[in-house]
Amino acid sequence: MATSKLVDDKDGDLCCSICLDLFKEPVMLECGHHFCKSCIDEVWNSAKTPACPECREECPAKKYTVNRLLSKLVEKARRVQQSEKAETRHQEQKDHSIHETQQCLEHNEVLKLFCQEDKSPMCVVCMVSTKHTGHSFLPLQEAVSLFQGKLKEASSLLELKVKYTIKVHNQQEQYISDLQNETLHMDQHITSQFAKLHQFLQDREKNLIQQLKEETAGIIKKMKENLRDIKNRSNAIQKGISNMQSAIQQEDPVNFLRIYEPTKRREFTKSCAGQL
């Protein structure tokens, strides 16, 4: 194969000129030459003046660029190489196994028949031996075709089960997706409704507080007015008491009798007005 030939060529474009093997983490120097990253690092670390091992161009800055495209090509070539080696080993093992399995271990004859009772391949000598007296035999290829048909039937049943399983799996995934979408919708709806409820309660709270403040202010105002009236009446009563005491303290009987009636009427009138 062309790829195999390219991989085996140690001087090819996919090989490092330092380690003579396929590139590992290929990097490109400023001069355009490619090397393994670890190889060029080792060369530069041991050199007094870093330079390209190919063209000897000096690289004092030790700069290089990772070549990802080349890395992919090398990795592909490496996989092809490994695959070809594995295929070769497998073919050798298969050839050896076929040679052994196609021979009767007891009579060294080619296995051409299949014993239906023992469920195993037989040679023509086995068929006529006393161990297999009364047994039924089929040509080997006919037995293979028979069992291949049975395996195909079993495989078809399994394929139907797989299809059914995939269908159930897809339905379950759809159910899960629908449930998640419905849950998300309900979550958004609940959040929206509670936001409206919170706003309503906040507005109601503000209105009730304002109403309470207004009612309280009105009651306090009225109570203050009542307090002023009570104070005024109290002052008037104190003044009446004072006038009465002055009248009582009159020593002159004539003066006392002169001020008695006016004082009595005046205080009586004030008392009645205060009660009203």
Protein backbone atom coordinates (compact mmCIF):
# COMPACT_ATOMS: atom_id res chain seq x y z
CA MET A 1 0.00 0.00 0.00
CA ALA A 2 1.12 3.57 -0.72
CA THR A 3 0.60 4.63 2.88
CA SER A 4 2.59 1.66 4.18
CA LYS A 5 5.43 2.44 1.78
CA LEU A 6 5.44 6.05 2.94
CA VAL A 7 5.46 5.03 6.61
CA ASP A 8 8.36 2.58 6.09
CA ASP A 9 10.44 5.27 4.35
CA LYS A 10 12.56 6.79 7.17
CA ASP A 11 13.59 9.66 4.88
CA GLY A 12 9.93 10.49 4.01
CA ASP A 13 8.10 13.69 4.81
CA LEU A 14 6.39 12.08 7.82
CA CYS A 15 9.64 11.14 9.58
CA CYS A 16 11.87 13.22 11.83
CA SER A 17 15.45 13.49 10.59
CA ILE A 18 16.73 13.40 14.17
CA CYS A 19 15.09 10.25 15.58
CA LEU A 20 14.36 8.73 12.11
CA ASP A 21 10.84 7.80 13.23
CA LEU A 22 7.36 9.14 12.62
CA PHE A 23 6.90 12.65 13.98
CA LYS A 24 5.69 13.06 17.55
CA GLU A 25 4.22 16.54 18.12
CA PRO A 26 5.75 17.91 14.90
CA VAL A 27 6.91 21.54 14.99
CA MET A 28 8.12 23.80 12.17
CA LEU A 29 11.17 26.04 12.58
CA GLU A 30 11.40 29.52 11.09
CA CYS A 31 13.45 28.04 8.22
CA GLY A 32 10.58 25.68 7.29
CA HIS A 33 12.05 22.34 8.43
CA HIS A 34 10.07 19.98 10.70
CA PHE A 35 11.19 17.96 13.74
CA CYS A 36 9.68 16.26 16.77
CA LYS A 37 9.18 18.82 19.53
CA SER A 38 11.10 16.72 22.05
CA CYS A 39 13.92 16.05 19.53
CA ILE A 40 14.56 19.69 18.63
CA ASP A 41 14.30 20.73 22.30
CA GLU A 42 16.94 18.15 23.23
CA VAL A 43 19.23 19.25 20.38
CA TRP A 44 18.91 22.94 21.25
CA ASN A 45 19.40 22.34 24.99
CA SER A 46 22.70 20.60 24.32
CA ALA A 47 23.95 23.11 21.71
CA LYS A 48 25.79 26.34 22.44
CA THR A 49 24.10 28.09 19.51
CA PRO A 50 20.63 26.78 18.62
CA ALA A 51 20.37 26.04 14.91
CA CYS A 52 18.34 23.95 12.45
CA PRO A 53 19.84 20.41 12.18
CA GLU A 54 18.95 20.39 8.47
CA CYS A 55 20.11 23.72 7.04
CA ARG A 56 22.17 24.91 10.06
CA GLU A 57 20.31 28.24 10.13
CA GLU A 58 20.76 29.72 13.59
CA CYS A 59 17.69 30.03 15.82
CA PRO A 60 18.77 32.09 18.85
CA ALA A 61 15.15 32.73 19.91
CA LYS A 62 14.38 28.98 19.83
CA LYS A 63 11.08 29.69 18.11
CA TYR A 64 8.96 27.06 16.41
CA THR A 65 5.29 26.53 15.50
CA VAL A 66 3.19 23.44 16.14
CA ASN A 67 2.09 21.97 12.78
CA ARG A 68 -1.32 20.51 13.55
CA LEU A 69 -2.01 19.45 9.94
CA LEU A 70 1.20 17.44 9.78
CA SER A 71 0.41 15.98 13.19
CA LYS A 72 -2.94 14.71 11.89
CA LEU A 73 -1.29 13.17 8.81
CA VAL A 74 1.31 11.43 10.97
CA GLU A 75 -1.36 10.11 13.33
CA LYS A 76 -3.33 8.76 10.36
CA ALA A 77 -0.19 7.06 8.96
CA ARG A 78 0.56 5.59 12.40
CA ARG A 79 -2.96 4.13 12.64
CA VAL A 80 -2.63 2.64 9.14
CA GLN A 81 0.72 1.10 10.09
CA GLN A 82 -0.69 -0.40 13.28
CA SER A 83 -3.79 -1.63 11.43
CA GLU A 84 -1.70 -3.35 8.75
CA LYS A 85 0.48 -5.04 11.34
CA ALA A 86 -2.58 -6.22 13.28
CA GLU A 87 -4.24 -7.43 10.07
CA THR A 88 -1.13 -9.38 9.10
CA ARG A 89 -0.94 -11.07 12.51
CA HIS A 90 -4.67 -11.83 12.39
CA GLN A 91 -4.44 -13.37 8.92
CA GLU A 92 -1.51 -15.54 9.97
CA GLN A 93 -3.42 -16.74 13.03
CA LYS A 94 -6.54 -17.32 10.92
CA ASP A 95 -4.66 -19.36 8.31
CA HIS A 96 -3.09 -21.47 11.02
CA SER A 97 -6.41 -21.92 12.79
CA ILE A 98 -8.23 -22.89 9.58
CA HIS A 99 -5.61 -25.47 8.79
CA GLU A 100 -6.03 -27.03 12.24
CA THR A 101 -9.82 -26.81 12.48
CA GLN A 102 -10.44 -28.32 9.01
CA GLN A 103 -8.65 -31.55 9.95
CA CYS A 104 -10.09 -34.36 12.07
CA LEU A 105 -7.85 -34.63 15.11
CA GLU A 106 -8.50 -38.36 15.36
CA HIS A 107 -8.15 -39.48 11.71
CA ASN A 108 -6.31 -36.50 10.11
CA GLU A 109 -9.01 -36.38 7.45
CA VAL A 110 -10.77 -33.29 6.10
CA LEU A 111 -13.97 -32.45 8.01
CA LYS A 112 -16.78 -32.73 5.44
CA LEU A 113 -19.81 -33.81 7.50
CA PHE A 114 -21.82 -32.57 10.49
CA CYS A 115 -23.19 -34.98 13.10
CA GLN A 116 -26.63 -33.78 14.20
CA GLU A 117 -26.53 -35.80 17.42
CA ASP A 118 -23.05 -34.68 18.55
CA LYS A 119 -23.45 -31.22 17.05
CA SER A 120 -19.91 -31.22 15.69
CA PRO A 121 -18.07 -31.57 12.34
CA MET A 122 -16.93 -35.08 11.34
CA CYS A 123 -14.82 -36.74 8.68
CA VAL A 124 -15.99 -39.67 6.53
CA VAL A 125 -14.08 -42.12 8.75
CA CYS A 126 -15.93 -40.85 11.82
CA MET A 127 -19.25 -41.43 10.01
CA VAL A 128 -18.62 -45.16 9.60
CA SER A 129 -17.08 -45.64 13.05
CA THR A 130 -19.00 -47.45 15.79
CA LYS A 131 -19.07 -44.27 17.93
CA HIS A 132 -21.50 -42.69 15.48
CA THR A 133 -23.65 -45.71 14.62
CA GLY A 134 -27.24 -44.60 13.99
CA HIS A 135 -26.33 -40.91 13.87
CA SER A 136 -27.63 -38.54 11.21
CA PHE A 137 -25.19 -36.52 9.14
CA LEU A 138 -25.41 -33.47 6.92
CA PRO A 139 -22.92 -32.11 4.44
CA LEU A 140 -20.86 -29.50 6.25
CA GLN A 141 -21.93 -26.60 4.00
CA GLU A 142 -25.60 -27.64 4.26
CA ALA A 143 -25.31 -27.60 8.07
CA VAL A 144 -23.68 -24.19 7.90
CA SER A 145 -26.52 -22.87 5.72
CA LEU A 146 -29.09 -24.38 8.09
CA PHE A 147 -27.59 -22.79 11.18
CA GLN A 148 -26.96 -19.52 9.39
CA GLY A 149 -30.69 -19.40 8.61
CA LYS A 150 -31.52 -19.99 12.27
CA LEU A 151 -29.08 -17.26 13.33
CA LYS A 152 -30.63 -14.90 10.80
CA GLU A 153 -34.08 -15.58 12.28
CA ALA A 154 -32.75 -14.99 15.78
CA SER A 155 -30.97 -11.87 14.57
CA SER A 156 -34.19 -10.57 12.99
CA LEU A 157 -36.05 -11.08 16.27
CA LEU A 158 -33.30 -9.26 18.13
CA GLU A 159 -33.42 -6.43 15.59
CA LEU A 160 -37.18 -6.13 16.18
CA LYS A 161 -36.53 -5.99 19.92
CA VAL A 162 -33.87 -3.35 19.37
CA LYS A 163 -36.26 -1.27 17.25
CA TYR A 164 -38.95 -1.61 19.91
CA THR A 165 -36.45 -0.68 22.62
CA ILE A 166 -35.33 2.36 20.61
CA LYS A 167 -38.98 3.36 20.11
CA VAL A 168 -39.70 3.07 23.84
CA HIS A 169 -36.48 4.93 24.59
CA ASN A 170 -37.43 7.77 22.25
CA GLN A 171 -40.94 7.92 23.71
CA GLN A 172 -39.50 8.08 27.21
CA GLU A 173 -37.14 10.87 26.18
CA GLN A 174 -40.10 12.72 24.64
CA TYR A 175 -42.10 12.26 27.85
CA ILE A 176 -39.19 13.62 29.86
CA SER A 177 -38.82 16.58 27.49
CA ASP A 178 -42.56 17.33 27.62
CA LEU A 179 -42.57 17.07 31.41
CA GLN A 180 -39.58 19.41 31.68
CA ASN A 181 -41.24 21.94 29.35
CA GLU A 182 -44.52 21.71 31.25
CA THR A 183 -42.69 22.12 34.56
CA LEU A 184 -40.86 25.16 33.21
CA HIS A 185 -44.15 26.67 32.00
CA MET A 186 -45.83 26.04 35.36
CA ASP A 187 -42.83 27.48 37.18
CA GLN A 188 -43.02 30.65 35.12
CA HIS A 189 -46.82 30.84 35.60
CA ILE A 190 -46.55 30.37 39.38
CA THR A 191 -43.76 32.95 39.58
CA SER A 192 -45.86 35.43 37.56
CA GLN A 193 -48.98 34.88 39.67
CA PHE A 194 -47.11 35.25 42.94
CA ALA A 195 -45.43 38.40 41.64
CA LYS A 196 -48.89 39.85 40.92
CA LEU A 197 -50.10 38.74 44.34
CA HIS A 198 -47.08 40.31 46.03
CA GLN A 199 -47.71 43.56 44.16
CA PHE A 200 -51.38 43.50 45.13
CA LEU A 201 -50.52 42.90 48.78
CA GLN A 202 -47.92 45.67 48.75
CA ASP A 203 -50.41 48.11 47.23
CA ARG A 204 -53.08 47.01 49.71
CA GLU A 205 -50.62 47.41 52.57
CA LYS A 206 -49.75 50.95 51.49
CA ASN A 207 -53.45 51.86 51.16
CA LEU A 208 -54.35 50.46 54.60
CA ILE A 209 -51.39 52.18 56.24
CA GLN A 210 -52.33 55.48 54.58
CA GLN A 211 -55.96 55.02 55.62
CA LEU A 212 -54.89 54.22 59.18
CA LYS A 213 -52.68 57.30 59.30
CA GLU A 214 -55.49 59.53 58.00
CA GLU A 215 -58.04 58.10 60.46
CA THR A 216 -55.56 58.39 63.33
CA ALA A 217 -54.76 61.99 62.37
CA GLY A 218 -58.49 62.82 62.32
CA ILE A 219 -59.10 61.21 65.72
CA ILE A 220 -56.07 62.95 67.25
CA LYS A 221 -57.20 66.29 65.83
CA LYS A 222 -60.65 65.84 67.33
CA MET A 223 -59.21 64.73 70.65
CA LYS A 224 -56.93 67.77 70.75
CA GLU A 225 -59.94 70.01 70.10
CA ASN A 226 -61.76 68.26 72.96
CA LEU A 227 -58.71 68.80 75.16
CA ARG A 228 -58.79 72.52 74.37
CA ASP A 229 -62.51 72.68 75.18
CA ILE A 230 -61.96 70.78 78.41
CA LYS A 231 -59.14 73.11 79.35
CA ASN A 232 -61.24 76.18 78.56
CA ARG A 233 -64.14 74.83 80.64
CA SER A 234 -61.76 73.97 83.41
CA ASN A 235 -60.37 77.51 83.38
CA ALA A 236 -63.90 78.94 83.40
CA ILE A 237 -64.87 76.74 86.34
CA GLN A 238 -61.72 77.76 88.21
CA LYS A 239 -62.57 81.38 87.56
CA GLY A 240 -66.16 80.83 88.80
CA ILE A 241 -64.84 79.12 91.91
CA SER A 242 -62.53 82.05 92.44
CA ASN A 243 -65.42 84.54 92.05
CA MET A 244 -67.57 82.53 94.45
CA GLN A 245 -64.79 82.39 97.01
CA SER A 246 -64.34 86.15 96.68
CA ALA A 247 -68.06 86.59 97.28
CA ILE A 248 -67.96 84.27 100.26
CA GLN A 249 -65.10 86.25 101.75
CA GLN A 250 -67.13 89.49 101.67
CA GLU A 251 -67.50 90.63 105.26
CA ASP A 252 -69.98 93.37 104.49
CA PRO A 253 -73.45 91.79 104.42
CA VAL A 254 -74.80 94.44 102.12
CA ASN A 255 -72.05 93.98 99.52
CA PHE A 256 -72.34 90.21 99.80
CA LEU A 257 -76.05 90.30 99.07
CA ARG A 258 -75.50 92.73 96.19
CA ILE A 259 -72.97 90.44 94.41
CA TYR A 260 -74.62 87.17 95.38
CA GLU A 261 -77.40 87.11 92.77
CA PRO A 262 -75.27 88.35 89.83
CA THR A 263 -72.52 85.89 90.73
CA LYS A 264 -74.98 83.04 91.07
CA ARG A 265 -76.68 83.74 87.73
CA ARG A 266 -73.39 84.24 85.91
CA GLU A 267 -71.83 81.01 87.17
CA PHE A 268 -75.05 79.09 86.65
CA THR A 269 -75.22 80.33 83.02
CA LYS A 270 -71.59 79.37 82.40
CA SER A 271 -72.16 75.96 83.92
CA CYS A 272 -75.12 75.32 81.64
CA ALA A 273 -73.20 76.56 78.57
CA GLY A 274 -70.29 74.28 79.47
CA GLN A 275 -72.58 71.26 79.70
CA LEU A 276 -73.99 72.05 76.27
